[in-house]
Structure formats: C-alpha cells, structure tokens
Amino acid sequence: MTPDDNHMIDRARKLRREATFPERLLWSRLRAGRCAGLIFRRQQVIDQYVADFFCPVSRLVIELDGRSHEGHDAEDAIRQEYLERQGLSVLRFTNDEVLGNLDAVVRAIALACGASSR
C-alpha cells in the first residue's frame, strides 16, 4: 500500500462519517441488498476518486450531486470520463431528486443494474 492509498482510504472513511442527509437516506435503501438484492459499497475508493456508491457486480458508480458540486461541472465530467474508461457506468442524481422521489431513484438504480427494485 502506498501513502496515496492510505490517504484515499482515510478520505473515504471521513466521507462516510460526514455523509450528507441525502447520502444517508439513499444508503438506507441500498445497503444490505435492499435494492433488488444488489450489494453496494459507499464511499468506495476507485483509483484517485471516491465514488459515493458502487455496485461491483454491475460495475455501477452512483454519484449524488449537491451544493458541493455547483460550479464543478468540468471536474465532474473529467471524473466521469475517467470512471467510464475503467469500464464503469456512472449514474448521477441530485440531492433534490433523492429527497423528492427516493423510490424513483432506487428504481432507476435497479434498472441500471439490470434488476427490478423490490
């Protein structure tokens, strides 16, 4: 493990501890196979990035965009392009979408994984 790896792991742990309300809300529906039996990880280190949520079987990254993403469209596009070059799919939702229609967000995630939500 390199110092950079340790730094990213520490960063992911910090992000887990400081999760936003929309992240905690979505995690309550994704954890422990609650979304169509799929297993998700939260704050998953993927090279130099930390994905909000990741389903390894479906190779799906889920990103929640809140206020911290405002004005960072270029960085988000670079990040998404990088992840897609690694063979991953990326779904983005706004915090407002999670807060306003959690069921629809969970259904979209299940469909993207090739499953139907329960």
PDB file of N, CA and C in Angstrom:
ATOM      1  N   MET A   1       0.840  -1.181   0.000  1.00  0.00           N
ATOM      2  CA  MET A   1       0.000   0.000   0.000  1.00  0.00           C
ATOM      3  C   MET A   1       0.887   1.247   0.000  1.00  0.00           C
ATOM      4  N   THR A   2       0.545   2.186  -0.832  1.00  0.00           N
ATOM      5  CA  THR A   2       1.331   3.413  -0.908  1.00  0.00           C
ATOM      6  C   THR A   2       0.736   4.475   0.015  1.00  0.00           C
ATOM      7  N   PRO A   3       1.501   5.529   0.292  1.00  0.00           N
ATOM      8  CA  PRO A   3       0.934   6.632   1.082  1.00  0.00           C
ATOM      9  C   PRO A   3      -0.316   7.223   0.435  1.00  0.00           C
ATOM     10  N   ASP A   4      -0.347   7.261  -0.907  1.00  0.00           N
ATOM     11  CA  ASP A   4      -1.538   7.764  -1.593  1.00  0.00           C
ATOM     12  C   ASP A   4      -2.747   6.875  -1.321  1.00  0.00           C
ATOM     13  N   ASP A   5      -2.526   5.549  -1.302  1.00  0.00           N
ATOM     14  CA  ASP A   5      -3.619   4.615  -0.994  1.00  0.00           C
ATOM     15  C   ASP A   5      -4.158   4.875   0.406  1.00  0.00           C
ATOM     16  N   ASN A   6      -3.251   5.025   1.366  1.00  0.00           N
ATOM     17  CA  ASN A   6      -3.666   5.302   2.746  1.00  0.00           C
ATOM     18  C   ASN A   6      -4.443   6.604   2.831  1.00  0.00           C
ATOM     19  N   HIS A   7      -3.986   7.610   2.092  1.00  0.00           N
ATOM     20  CA  HIS A   7      -4.677   8.903   2.080  1.00  0.00           C
ATOM     21  C   HIS A   7      -6.102   8.751   1.551  1.00  0.00           C
ATOM     22  N   MET A   8      -6.267   8.006   0.473  1.00  0.00           N
ATOM     23  CA  MET A   8      -7.593   7.828  -0.118  1.00  0.00           C
ATOM     24  C   MET A   8      -8.503   7.040   0.814  1.00  0.00           C
ATOM     25  N   ILE A   9      -7.961   6.035   1.485  1.00  0.00           N
ATOM     26  CA  ILE A   9      -8.771   5.253   2.423  1.00  0.00           C
ATOM     27  C   ILE A   9      -9.212   6.131   3.587  1.00  0.00           C
ATOM     28  N   ASP A  10      -8.295   6.936   4.101  1.00  0.00           N
ATOM     29  CA  ASP A  10      -8.652   7.864   5.181  1.00  0.00           C
ATOM     30  C   ASP A  10      -9.718   8.848   4.724  1.00  0.00           C
ATOM     31  N   ARG A  11      -9.578   9.331   3.495  1.00  0.00           N
ATOM     32  CA  ARG A  11     -10.557  10.278   2.950  1.00  0.00           C
ATOM     33  C   ARG A  11     -11.936   9.622   2.842  1.00  0.00           C
ATOM     34  N   ALA A  12     -11.976   8.381   2.346  1.00  0.00           N
ATOM     35  CA  ALA A  12     -13.245   7.662   2.216  1.00  0.00           C
ATOM     36  C   ALA A  12     -13.893   7.459   3.585  1.00  0.00           C
ATOM     37  N   ARG A  13     -13.096   7.116   4.583  1.00  0.00           N
ATOM     38  CA  ARG A  13     -13.636   6.938   5.939  1.00  0.00           C
ATOM     39  C   ARG A  13     -14.233   8.238   6.461  1.00  0.00           C
ATOM     40  N   LYS A  14     -13.531   9.341   6.223  1.00  0.00           N
ATOM     41  CA  LYS A  14     -14.021  10.653   6.666  1.00  0.00           C
ATOM     42  C   LYS A  14     -15.346  10.986   5.969  1.00  0.00           C
ATOM     43  N   LEU A  15     -15.419  10.713   4.662  1.00  0.00           N
ATOM     44  CA  LEU A  15     -16.651  10.982   3.923  1.00  0.00           C
ATOM     45  C   LEU A  15     -17.801  10.129   4.438  1.00  0.00           C
ATOM     46  N   ARG A  16     -17.519   8.883   4.832  1.00  0.00           N
ATOM     47  CA  ARG A  16     -18.562   8.035   5.403  1.00  0.00           C
ATOM     48  C   ARG A  16     -19.083   8.616   6.708  1.00  0.00           C
ATOM     49  N   ARG A  17     -18.163   9.065   7.555  1.00  0.00           N
ATOM     50  CA  ARG A  17     -18.567   9.640   8.849  1.00  0.00           C
ATOM     51  C   ARG A  17     -19.362  10.923   8.670  1.00  0.00           C
ATOM     52  N   GLU A  18     -19.035  11.699   7.626  1.00  0.00           N
ATOM     53  CA  GLU A  18     -19.652  13.005   7.419  1.00  0.00           C
ATOM     54  C   GLU A  18     -20.688  12.993   6.296  1.00  0.00           C
ATOM     55  N   ALA A  19     -21.315  11.857   6.082  1.00  0.00           N
ATOM     56  CA  ALA A  19     -22.289  11.722   4.998  1.00  0.00           C
ATOM     57  C   ALA A  19     -23.408  12.756   5.133  1.00  0.00           C
ATOM     58  N   THR A  20     -23.842  13.263   3.991  1.00  0.00           N
ATOM     59  CA  THR A  20     -24.955  14.205   3.970  1.00  0.00           C
ATOM     60  C   THR A  20     -26.256  13.449   4.210  1.00  0.00           C
ATOM     61  N   PHE A  21     -27.304  14.189   4.538  1.00  0.00           N
ATOM     62  CA  PHE A  21     -28.606  13.544   4.745  1.00  0.00           C
ATOM     63  C   PHE A  21     -29.060  12.777   3.495  1.00  0.00           C
ATOM     64  N   PRO A  22     -28.982  13.363   2.272  1.00  0.00           N
ATOM     65  CA  PRO A  22     -29.385  12.585   1.097  1.00  0.00           C
ATOM     66  C   PRO A  22     -28.548  11.312   0.916  1.00  0.00           C
ATOM     67  N   GLU A  23     -27.251  11.362   1.227  1.00  0.00           N
ATOM     68  CA  GLU A  23     -26.421  10.154   1.133  1.00  0.00           C
ATOM     69  C   GLU A  23     -26.879   9.099   2.136  1.00  0.00           C
ATOM     70  N   ARG A  24     -27.148   9.524   3.364  1.00  0.00           N
ATOM     71  CA  ARG A  24     -27.612   8.571   4.377  1.00  0.00           C
ATOM     72  C   ARG A  24     -28.969   7.976   3.992  1.00  0.00           C
ATOM     73  N   LEU A  25     -29.840   8.821   3.442  1.00  0.00           N
ATOM     74  CA  LEU A  25     -31.164   8.364   3.030  1.00  0.00           C
ATOM     75  C   LEU A  25     -31.056   7.317   1.917  1.00  0.00           C
ATOM     76  N   LEU A  26     -30.267   7.615   0.900  1.00  0.00           N
ATOM     77  CA  LEU A  26     -30.108   6.646  -0.191  1.00  0.00           C
ATOM     78  C   LEU A  26     -29.424   5.377   0.314  1.00  0.00           C
ATOM     79  N   TRP A  27     -28.418   5.524   1.168  1.00  0.00           N
ATOM     80  CA  TRP A  27     -27.731   4.357   1.708  1.00  0.00           C
ATOM     81  C   TRP A  27     -28.710   3.452   2.464  1.00  0.00           C
ATOM     82  N   SER A  28     -29.687   4.029   3.127  1.00  0.00           N
ATOM     83  CA  SER A  28     -30.663   3.211   3.856  1.00  0.00           C
ATOM     84  C   SER A  28     -31.449   2.299   2.917  1.00  0.00           C
ATOM     85  N   ARG A  29     -31.523   2.677   1.651  1.00  0.00           N
ATOM     86  CA  ARG A  29     -32.249   1.867   0.655  1.00  0.00           C
ATOM     87  C   ARG A  29     -31.335   0.968  -0.168  1.00  0.00           C
ATOM     88  N   LEU A  30     -30.024   1.221  -0.124  1.00  0.00           N
ATOM     89  CA  LEU A  30     -29.082   0.422  -0.920  1.00  0.00           C
ATOM     90  C   LEU A  30     -28.358  -0.633  -0.091  1.00  0.00           C
ATOM     91  N   ARG A  31     -28.199  -0.387   1.180  1.00  0.00           N
ATOM     92  CA  ARG A  31     -27.360  -1.257   1.999  1.00  0.00           C
ATOM     93  C   ARG A  31     -27.990  -2.627   2.204  1.00  0.00           C
ATOM     94  N   ALA A  32     -27.143  -3.594   2.460  1.00  0.00           N
ATOM     95  CA  ALA A  32     -27.573  -4.951   2.837  1.00  0.00           C
ATOM     96  C   ALA A  32     -28.500  -5.593   1.803  1.00  0.00           C
ATOM     97  N   GLY A  33     -28.291  -5.316   0.533  1.00  0.00           N
ATOM     98  CA  GLY A  33     -29.063  -5.956  -0.527  1.00  0.00           C
ATOM     99  C   GLY A  33     -30.505  -5.500  -0.630  1.00  0.00           C
ATOM    100  N   ARG A  34     -30.816  -4.336  -0.045  1.00  0.00           N
ATOM    101  CA  ARG A  34     -32.207  -3.859  -0.042  1.00  0.00           C
ATOM    102  C   ARG A  34     -32.689  -3.392  -1.405  1.00  0.00           C
ATOM    103  N   CYS A  35     -31.782  -3.159  -2.327  1.00  0.00           N
ATOM    104  CA  CYS A  35     -32.156  -2.750  -3.688  1.00  0.00           C
ATOM    105  C   CYS A  35     -31.976  -3.953  -4.604  1.00  0.00           C
ATOM    106  N   ALA A  36     -33.050  -4.689  -4.796  1.00  0.00           N
ATOM    107  CA  ALA A  36     -33.089  -5.834  -5.709  1.00  0.00           C
ATOM    108  C   ALA A  36     -32.024  -6.876  -5.386  1.00  0.00           C
ATOM    109  N   GLY A  37     -31.632  -6.971  -4.118  1.00  0.00           N
ATOM    110  CA  GLY A  37     -30.641  -7.960  -3.709  1.00  0.00           C
ATOM    111  C   GLY A  37     -29.209  -7.615  -4.081  1.00  0.00           C
ATOM    112  N   LEU A  38     -29.000  -6.417  -4.611  1.00  0.00           N
ATOM    113  CA  LEU A  38     -27.660  -5.997  -5.045  1.00  0.00           C
ATOM    114  C   LEU A  38     -26.839  -5.518  -3.856  1.00  0.00           C
ATOM    115  N   ILE A  39     -25.550  -5.753  -3.920  1.00  0.00           N
ATOM    116  CA  ILE A  39     -24.638  -5.307  -2.872  1.00  0.00           C
ATOM    117  C   ILE A  39     -23.951  -4.026  -3.335  1.00  0.00           C
ATOM    118  N   PHE A  40     -24.032  -3.015  -2.507  1.00  0.00           N
ATOM    119  CA  PHE A  40     -23.395  -1.728  -2.785  1.00  0.00           C
ATOM    120  C   PHE A  40     -22.373  -1.424  -1.706  1.00  0.00           C
ATOM    121  N   ARG A  41     -21.397  -0.649  -2.080  1.00  0.00           N
ATOM    122  CA  ARG A  41     -20.431  -0.100  -1.124  1.00  0.00           C
ATOM    123  C   ARG A  41     -20.604   1.406  -1.149  1.00  0.00           C
ATOM    124  N   ARG A  42     -20.360   2.046  -0.023  1.00  0.00           N
ATOM    125  CA  ARG A  42     -20.429   3.515  -0.007  1.00  0.00           C
ATOM    126  C   ARG A  42     -19.034   4.075   0.185  1.00  0.00           C
ATOM    127  N   GLN A  43     -18.827   5.237  -0.414  1.00  0.00           N
ATOM    128  CA  GLN A  43     -17.532   5.917  -0.379  1.00  0.00           C
ATOM    129  C   GLN A  43     -16.418   4.946  -0.760  1.00  0.00           C
ATOM    130  N   GLN A  44     -16.552   4.392  -1.957  1.00  0.00           N
ATOM    131  CA  GLN A  44     -15.623   3.394  -2.471  1.00  0.00           C
ATOM    132  C   GLN A  44     -14.473   4.076  -3.205  1.00  0.00           C
ATOM    133  N   VAL A  45     -13.247   3.780  -2.788  1.00  0.00           N
ATOM    134  CA  VAL A  45     -12.070   4.310  -3.475  1.00  0.00           C
ATOM    135  C   VAL A  45     -11.923   3.600  -4.814  1.00  0.00           C
ATOM    136  N   ILE A  46     -11.838   4.400  -5.873  1.00  0.00           N
ATOM    137  CA  ILE A  46     -11.569   3.890  -7.218  1.00  0.00           C
ATOM    138  C   ILE A  46     -10.440   4.753  -7.769  1.00  0.00           C
ATOM    139  N   ASP A  47      -9.231   4.222  -7.659  1.00  0.00           N
ATOM    140  CA  ASP A  47      -8.018   4.944  -8.046  1.00  0.00           C
ATOM    141  C   ASP A  47      -7.932   6.271  -7.286  1.00  0.00           C
ATOM    142  N   GLN A  48      -7.919   7.391  -7.995  1.00  0.00           N
ATOM    143  CA  GLN A  48      -7.770   8.681  -7.304  1.00  0.00           C
ATOM    144  C   GLN A  48      -9.106   9.322  -6.934  1.00  0.00           C
ATOM    145  N   TYR A  49     -10.184   8.598  -7.087  1.00  0.00           N
ATOM    146  CA  TYR A  49     -11.510   9.127  -6.784  1.00  0.00           C
ATOM    147  C   TYR A  49     -12.185   8.307  -5.683  1.00  0.00           C
ATOM    148  N   VAL A  50     -13.177   8.920  -5.054  1.00  0.00           N
ATOM    149  CA  VAL A  50     -14.022   8.215  -4.094  1.00  0.00           C
ATOM    150  C   VAL A  50     -15.449   8.322  -4.621  1.00  0.00           C
ATOM    151  N   ALA A  51     -16.006   7.170  -4.994  1.00  0.00           N
ATOM    152  CA  ALA A  51     -17.380   7.134  -5.503  1.00  0.00           C
ATOM    153  C   ALA A  51     -18.346   7.144  -4.324  1.00  0.00           C
ATOM    154  N   ASP A  52     -19.451   7.880  -4.458  1.00  0.00           N
ATOM    155  CA  ASP A  52     -20.450   7.910  -3.388  1.00  0.00           C
ATOM    156  C   ASP A  52     -20.961   6.507  -3.096  1.00  0.00           C
ATOM    157  N   PHE A  53     -21.358   5.788  -4.146  1.00  0.00           N
ATOM    158  CA  PHE A  53     -21.837   4.417  -4.015  1.00  0.00           C
ATOM    159  C   PHE A  53     -21.318   3.611  -5.199  1.00  0.00           C
ATOM    160  N   PHE A  54     -21.094   2.317  -4.984  1.00  0.00           N
ATOM    161  CA  PHE A  54     -20.551   1.467  -6.036  1.00  0.00           C
ATOM    162  C   PHE A  54     -21.121   0.068  -5.901  1.00  0.00           C
ATOM    163  N   CYS A  55     -21.618  -0.467  -7.026  1.00  0.00           N
ATOM    164  CA  CYS A  55     -22.076  -1.853  -7.087  1.00  0.00           C
ATOM    165  C   CYS A  55     -21.050  -2.622  -7.922  1.00  0.00           C
ATOM    166  N   PRO A  56     -20.188  -3.421  -7.273  1.00  0.00           N
ATOM    167  CA  PRO A  56     -19.134  -4.103  -8.015  1.00  0.00           C
ATOM    168  C   PRO A  56     -19.646  -5.088  -9.070  1.00  0.00           C
ATOM    169  N   VAL A  57     -20.723  -5.800  -8.769  1.00  0.00           N
ATOM    170  CA  VAL A  57     -21.243  -6.790  -9.717  1.00  0.00           C
ATOM    171  C   VAL A  57     -21.698  -6.117 -11.009  1.00  0.00           C
ATOM    172  N   SER A  58     -22.395  -5.001 -10.890  1.00  0.00           N
ATOM    173  CA  SER A  58     -22.907  -4.277 -12.053  1.00  0.00           C
ATOM    174  C   SER A  58     -21.912  -3.250 -12.588  1.00  0.00           C
ATOM    175  N   ARG A  59     -20.815  -3.034 -11.847  1.00  0.00           N
ATOM    176  CA  ARG A  59     -19.800  -2.039 -12.222  1.00  0.00           C
ATOM    177  C   ARG A  59     -20.443  -0.662 -12.394  1.00  0.00           C
ATOM    178  N   LEU A  60     -21.313  -0.346 -11.437  1.00  0.00           N
ATOM    179  CA  LEU A  60     -22.075   0.901 -11.473  1.00  0.00           C
ATOM    180  C   LEU A  60     -21.643   1.821 -10.337  1.00  0.00           C
ATOM    181  N   VAL A  61     -21.308   3.052 -10.708  1.00  0.00           N
ATOM    182  CA  VAL A  61     -20.992   4.108  -9.756  1.00  0.00           C
ATOM    183  C   VAL A  61     -22.210   5.018  -9.681  1.00  0.00           C
ATOM    184  N   ILE A  62     -22.604   5.368  -8.463  1.00  0.00           N
ATOM    185  CA  ILE A  62     -23.705   6.311  -8.264  1.00  0.00           C
ATOM    186  C   ILE A  62     -23.136   7.539  -7.579  1.00  0.00           C
ATOM    187  N   GLU A  63     -23.370   8.682  -8.181  1.00  0.00           N
ATOM    188  CA  GLU A  63     -22.892   9.951  -7.636  1.00  0.00           C
ATOM    189  C   GLU A  63     -24.077  10.827  -7.271  1.00  0.00           C
ATOM    190  N   LEU A  64     -24.037  11.413  -6.087  1.00  0.00           N
ATOM    191  CA  LEU A  64     -25.038  12.385  -5.679  1.00  0.00           C
ATOM    192  C   LEU A  64     -24.428  13.770  -5.786  1.00  0.00           C
ATOM    193  N   ASP A  65     -25.114  14.628  -6.486  1.00  0.00           N
ATOM    194  CA  ASP A  65     -24.625  15.988  -6.699  1.00  0.00           C
ATOM    195  C   ASP A  65     -25.422  16.965  -5.854  1.00  0.00           C
ATOM    196  N   GLY A  66     -24.756  17.539  -4.900  1.00  0.00           N
ATOM    197  CA  GLY A  66     -25.358  18.555  -4.048  1.00  0.00           C
ATOM    198  C   GLY A  66     -24.658  19.877  -4.269  1.00  0.00           C
ATOM    199  N   ARG A  67     -24.723  20.720  -3.278  1.00  0.00           N
ATOM    200  CA  ARG A  67     -24.125  22.054  -3.393  1.00  0.00           C
ATOM    201  C   ARG A  67     -22.624  22.004  -3.617  1.00  0.00           C
ATOM    202  N   SER A  68     -21.959  20.986  -3.098  1.00  0.00           N
ATOM    203  CA  SER A  68     -20.508  20.906  -3.267  1.00  0.00           C
ATOM    204  C   SER A  68     -20.109  20.707  -4.725  1.00  0.00           C
ATOM    205  N   HIS A  69     -21.051  20.307  -5.564  1.00  0.00           N
ATOM    206  CA  HIS A  69     -20.752  20.101  -6.981  1.00  0.00           C
ATOM    207  C   HIS A  69     -21.038  21.341  -7.827  1.00  0.00           C
ATOM    208  N   GLU A  70     -21.704  22.317  -7.255  1.00  0.00           N
ATOM    209  CA  GLU A  70     -22.038  23.524  -8.020  1.00  0.00           C
ATOM    210  C   GLU A  70     -20.760  24.207  -8.488  1.00  0.00           C
ATOM    211  N   GLY A  71     -20.722  24.513  -9.791  1.00  0.00           N
ATOM    212  CA  GLY A  71     -19.563  25.161 -10.361  1.00  0.00           C
ATOM    213  C   GLY A  71     -18.406  24.220 -10.650  1.00  0.00           C
ATOM    214  N   HIS A  72     -18.622  22.920 -10.484  1.00  0.00           N
ATOM    215  CA  HIS A  72     -17.566  21.934 -10.711  1.00  0.00           C
ATOM    216  C   HIS A  72     -17.915  20.996 -11.859  1.00  0.00           C
ATOM    217  N   ASP A  73     -18.678  21.491 -12.815  1.00  0.00           N
ATOM    218  CA  ASP A  73     -19.114  20.646 -13.932  1.00  0.00           C
ATOM    219  C   ASP A  73     -17.937  20.059 -14.693  1.00  0.00           C
ATOM    220  N   ALA A  74     -16.892  20.855 -14.919  1.00  0.00           N
ATOM    221  CA  ALA A  74     -15.736  20.374 -15.681  1.00  0.00           C
ATOM    222  C   ALA A  74     -15.034  19.234 -14.934  1.00  0.00           C
ATOM    223  N   GLU A  75     -14.828  19.409 -13.623  1.00  0.00           N
ATOM    224  CA  GLU A  75     -14.179  18.357 -12.829  1.00  0.00           C
ATOM    225  C   GLU A  75     -15.037  17.097 -12.783  1.00  0.00           C
ATOM    226  N   ASP A  76     -16.356  17.272 -12.643  1.00  0.00           N
ATOM    227  CA  ASP A  76     -17.256  16.122 -12.632  1.00  0.00           C
ATOM    228  C   ASP A  76     -17.211  15.377 -13.965  1.00  0.00           C
ATOM    229  N   ALA A  77     -17.123  16.113 -15.063  1.00  0.00           N
ATOM    230  CA  ALA A  77     -17.055  15.488 -16.392  1.00  0.00           C
ATOM    231  C   ALA A  77     -15.752  14.700 -16.554  1.00  0.00           C
ATOM    232  N   ILE A  78     -14.649  15.249 -16.076  1.00  0.00           N
ATOM    233  CA  ILE A  78     -13.354  14.554 -16.148  1.00  0.00           C
ATOM    234  C   ILE A  78     -13.399  13.283 -15.327  1.00  0.00           C
ATOM    235  N   ARG A  79     -13.955  13.383 -14.139  1.00  0.00           N
ATOM    236  CA  ARG A  79     -14.083  12.238 -13.247  1.00  0.00           C
ATOM    237  C   ARG A  79     -14.936  11.148 -13.888  1.00  0.00           C
ATOM    238  N   GLN A  80     -16.093  11.549 -14.438  1.00  0.00           N
ATOM    239  CA  GLN A  80     -16.986  10.577 -15.063  1.00  0.00           C
ATOM    240  C   GLN A  80     -16.316   9.920 -16.269  1.00  0.00           C
ATOM    241  N   GLU A  81     -15.640  10.696 -17.079  1.00  0.00           N
ATOM    242  CA  GLU A  81     -14.938  10.142 -18.243  1.00  0.00           C
ATOM    243  C   GLU A  81     -13.881   9.132 -17.805  1.00  0.00           C
ATOM    244  N   TYR A  82     -13.151   9.454 -16.762  1.00  0.00           N
ATOM    245  CA  TYR A  82     -12.130   8.541 -16.247  1.00  0.00           C
ATOM    246  C   TYR A  82     -12.777   7.227 -15.796  1.00  0.00           C
ATOM    247  N   LEU A  83     -13.833   7.320 -14.999  1.00  0.00           N
ATOM    248  CA  LEU A  83     -14.500   6.120 -14.498  1.00  0.00           C
ATOM    249  C   LEU A  83     -15.055   5.272 -15.644  1.00  0.00           C
ATOM    250  N   GLU A  84     -15.614   5.921 -16.647  1.00  0.00           N
ATOM    251  CA  GLU A  84     -16.150   5.186 -17.793  1.00  0.00           C
ATOM    252  C   GLU A  84     -15.035   4.511 -18.586  1.00  0.00           C
ATOM    253  N   ARG A  85     -13.870   5.128 -18.654  1.00  0.00           N
ATOM    254  CA  ARG A  85     -12.724   4.493 -19.329  1.00  0.00           C
ATOM    255  C   ARG A  85     -12.265   3.249 -18.569  1.00  0.00           C
ATOM    256  N   GLN A  86     -12.579   3.170 -17.287  1.00  0.00           N
ATOM    257  CA  GLN A  86     -12.246   1.993 -16.485  1.00  0.00           C
ATOM    258  C   GLN A  86     -13.302   0.898 -16.639  1.00  0.00           C
ATOM    259  N   GLY A  87     -14.282   1.122 -17.510  1.00  0.00           N
ATOM    260  CA  GLY A  87     -15.328   0.131 -17.737  1.00  0.00           C
ATOM    261  C   GLY A  87     -16.491   0.224 -16.764  1.00  0.00           C
ATOM    262  N   LEU A  88     -16.611   1.358 -16.081  1.00  0.00           N
ATOM    263  CA  LEU A  88     -17.693   1.550 -15.129  1.00  0.00           C
ATOM    264  C   LEU A  88     -18.783   2.412 -15.744  1.00  0.00           C
ATOM    265  N   SER A  89     -20.002   2.194 -15.320  1.00  0.00           N
ATOM    266  CA  SER A  89     -21.118   3.068 -15.684  1.00  0.00           C
ATOM    267  C   SER A  89     -21.319   4.037 -14.530  1.00  0.00           C
ATOM    268  N   VAL A  90     -21.763   5.246 -14.847  1.00  0.00           N
ATOM    269  CA  VAL A  90     -21.968   6.258 -13.820  1.00  0.00           C
ATOM    270  C   VAL A  90     -23.390   6.801 -13.923  1.00  0.00           C
ATOM    271  N   LEU A  91     -24.103   6.766 -12.809  1.00  0.00           N
ATOM    272  CA  LEU A  91     -25.427   7.390 -12.702  1.00  0.00           C
ATOM    273  C   LEU A  91     -25.300   8.562 -11.752  1.00  0.00           C
ATOM    274  N   ARG A  92     -25.843   9.705 -12.148  1.00  0.00           N
ATOM    275  CA  ARG A  92     -25.794  10.892 -11.296  1.00  0.00           C
ATOM    276  C   ARG A  92     -27.218  11.287 -10.917  1.00  0.00           C
ATOM    277  N   PHE A  93     -27.381  11.642  -9.655  1.00  0.00           N
ATOM    278  CA  PHE A  93     -28.644  12.160  -9.159  1.00  0.00           C
ATOM    279  C   PHE A  93     -28.332  13.395  -8.339  1.00  0.00           C
ATOM    280  N   THR A  94     -29.262  14.322  -8.334  1.00  0.00           N
ATOM    281  CA  THR A  94     -29.111  15.477  -7.458  1.00  0.00           C
ATOM    282  C   THR A  94     -29.650  15.111  -6.080  1.00  0.00           C
ATOM    283  N   ASN A  95     -29.201  15.849  -5.093  1.00  0.00           N
ATOM    284  CA  ASN A  95     -29.748  15.653  -3.744  1.00  0.00           C
ATOM    285  C   ASN A  95     -31.253  15.869  -3.759  1.00  0.00           C
ATOM    286  N   ASP A  96     -31.712  16.845  -4.538  1.00  0.00           N
ATOM    287  CA  ASP A  96     -33.151  17.123  -4.620  1.00  0.00           C
ATOM    288  C   ASP A  96     -33.927  15.927  -5.159  1.00  0.00           C
ATOM    289  N   GLU A  97     -33.356  15.205  -6.121  1.00  0.00           N
ATOM    290  CA  GLU A  97     -34.027  14.013  -6.647  1.00  0.00           C
ATOM    291  C   GLU A  97     -34.162  12.948  -5.559  1.00  0.00           C
ATOM    292  N   VAL A  98     -33.095  12.758  -4.789  1.00  0.00           N
ATOM    293  CA  VAL A  98     -33.130  11.765  -3.709  1.00  0.00           C
ATOM    294  C   VAL A  98     -34.170  12.166  -2.665  1.00  0.00           C
ATOM    295  N   LEU A  99     -34.167  13.428  -2.289  1.00  0.00           N
ATOM    296  CA  LEU A  99     -35.092  13.901  -1.268  1.00  0.00           C
ATOM    297  C   LEU A  99     -36.537  13.931  -1.758  1.00  0.00           C
ATOM    298  N   GLY A 100     -36.717  14.250  -3.047  1.00  0.00           N
ATOM    299  CA  GLY A 100     -38.060  14.420  -3.586  1.00  0.00           C
ATOM    300  C   GLY A 100     -38.725  13.158  -4.083  1.00  0.00           C
ATOM    301  N   ASN A 101     -37.929  12.179  -4.524  1.00  0.00           N
ATOM    302  CA  ASN A 101     -38.534  10.964  -5.064  1.00  0.00           C
ATOM    303  C   ASN A 101     -37.563   9.797  -4.934  1.00  0.00           C
ATOM    304  N   LEU A 102     -37.303   9.409  -3.703  1.00  0.00           N
ATOM    305  CA  LEU A 102     -36.360   8.330  -3.410  1.00  0.00           C
ATOM    306  C   LEU A 102     -36.723   7.036  -4.116  1.00  0.00           C
ATOM    307  N   ASP A 103     -38.011   6.709  -4.169  1.00  0.00           N
ATOM    308  CA  ASP A 103     -38.430   5.462  -4.823  1.00  0.00           C
ATOM    309  C   ASP A 103     -38.032   5.445  -6.294  1.00  0.00           C
ATOM    310  N   ALA A 104     -38.197   6.559  -6.988  1.00  0.00           N
ATOM    311  CA  ALA A 104     -37.825   6.624  -8.408  1.00  0.00           C
ATOM    312  C   ALA A 104     -36.312   6.492  -8.584  1.00  0.00           C
ATOM    313  N   VAL A 105     -35.551   7.073  -7.686  1.00  0.00           N
ATOM    314  CA  VAL A 105     -34.088   6.965  -7.746  1.00  0.00           C
ATOM    315  C   VAL A 105     -33.674   5.504  -7.565  1.00  0.00           C
ATOM    316  N   VAL A 106     -34.248   4.841  -6.591  1.00  0.00           N
ATOM    317  CA  VAL A 106     -33.911   3.434  -6.332  1.00  0.00           C
ATOM    318  C   VAL A 106     -34.319   2.560  -7.521  1.00  0.00           C
ATOM    319  N   ARG A 107     -35.486   2.835  -8.111  1.00  0.00           N
ATOM    320  CA  ARG A 107     -35.903   2.078  -9.306  1.00  0.00           C
ATOM    321  C   ARG A 107     -34.921   2.288 -10.450  1.00  0.00           C
ATOM    322  N   ALA A 108     -34.475   3.523 -10.671  1.00  0.00           N
ATOM    323  CA  ALA A 108     -33.521   3.814 -11.742  1.00  0.00           C
ATOM    324  C   ALA A 108     -32.203   3.085 -11.511  1.00  0.00           C
ATOM    325  N   ILE A 109     -31.769   3.014 -10.271  1.00  0.00           N
ATOM    326  CA  ILE A 109     -30.531   2.299  -9.946  1.00  0.00           C
ATOM    327  C   ILE A 109     -30.694   0.813 -10.223  1.00  0.00           C
ATOM    328  N   ALA A 110     -31.800   0.234  -9.782  1.00  0.00           N
ATOM    329  CA  ALA A 110     -32.050  -1.195 -10.014  1.00  0.00           C
ATOM    330  C   ALA A 110     -32.099  -1.495 -11.513  1.00  0.00           C
ATOM    331  N   LEU A 111     -32.767  -0.638 -12.273  1.00  0.00           N
ATOM    332  CA  LEU A 111     -32.842  -0.845 -13.722  1.00  0.00           C
ATOM    333  C   LEU A 111     -31.468  -0.747 -14.368  1.00  0.00           C
ATOM    334  N   ALA A 112     -30.653   0.200 -13.920  1.00  0.00           N
ATOM    335  CA  ALA A 112     -29.309   0.347 -14.468  1.00  0.00           C
ATOM    336  C   ALA A 112     -28.452  -0.874 -14.181  1.00  0.00           C
ATOM    337  N   CYS A 113     -28.770  -1.568 -13.095  1.00  0.00           N
ATOM    338  CA  CYS A 113     -28.049  -2.791 -12.727  1.00  0.00           C
ATOM    339  C   CYS A 113     -28.648  -4.038 -13.388  1.00  0.00           C
ATOM    340  N   GLY A 114     -29.709  -3.828 -14.167  1.00  0.00           N
ATOM    341  CA  GLY A 114     -30.346  -4.958 -14.839  1.00  0.00           C
ATOM    342  C   GLY A 114     -31.266  -5.755 -13.932  1.00  0.00           C
ATOM    343  N   ALA A 115     -31.750  -5.102 -12.877  1.00  0.00           N
ATOM    344  CA  ALA A 115     -32.645  -5.786 -11.936  1.00  0.00           C
ATOM    345  C   ALA A 115     -33.901  -4.950 -11.761  1.00  0.00           C
ATOM    346  N   SER A 116     -34.872  -5.509 -11.136  1.00  0.00           N
ATOM    347  CA  SER A 116     -36.059  -4.718 -10.782  1.00  0.00           C
ATOM    348  C   SER A 116     -36.010  -4.471  -9.280  1.00  0.00           C
ATOM    349  N   SER A 117     -36.431  -3.290  -8.866  1.00  0.00           N
ATOM    350  CA  SER A 117     -36.389  -2.975  -7.435  1.00  0.00           C
ATOM    351  C   SER A 117     -37.498  -3.721  -6.706  1.00  0.00           C
ATOM    352  N   ARG A 118     -37.270  -3.942  -5.428  1.00  0.00           N
ATOM    353  CA  ARG A 118     -38.297  -4.609  -4.591  1.00  0.00           C
ATOM    354  C   ARG A 118     -39.059  -3.578  -3.826  1.00  0.00           C
TER     355      ARG A 118
END
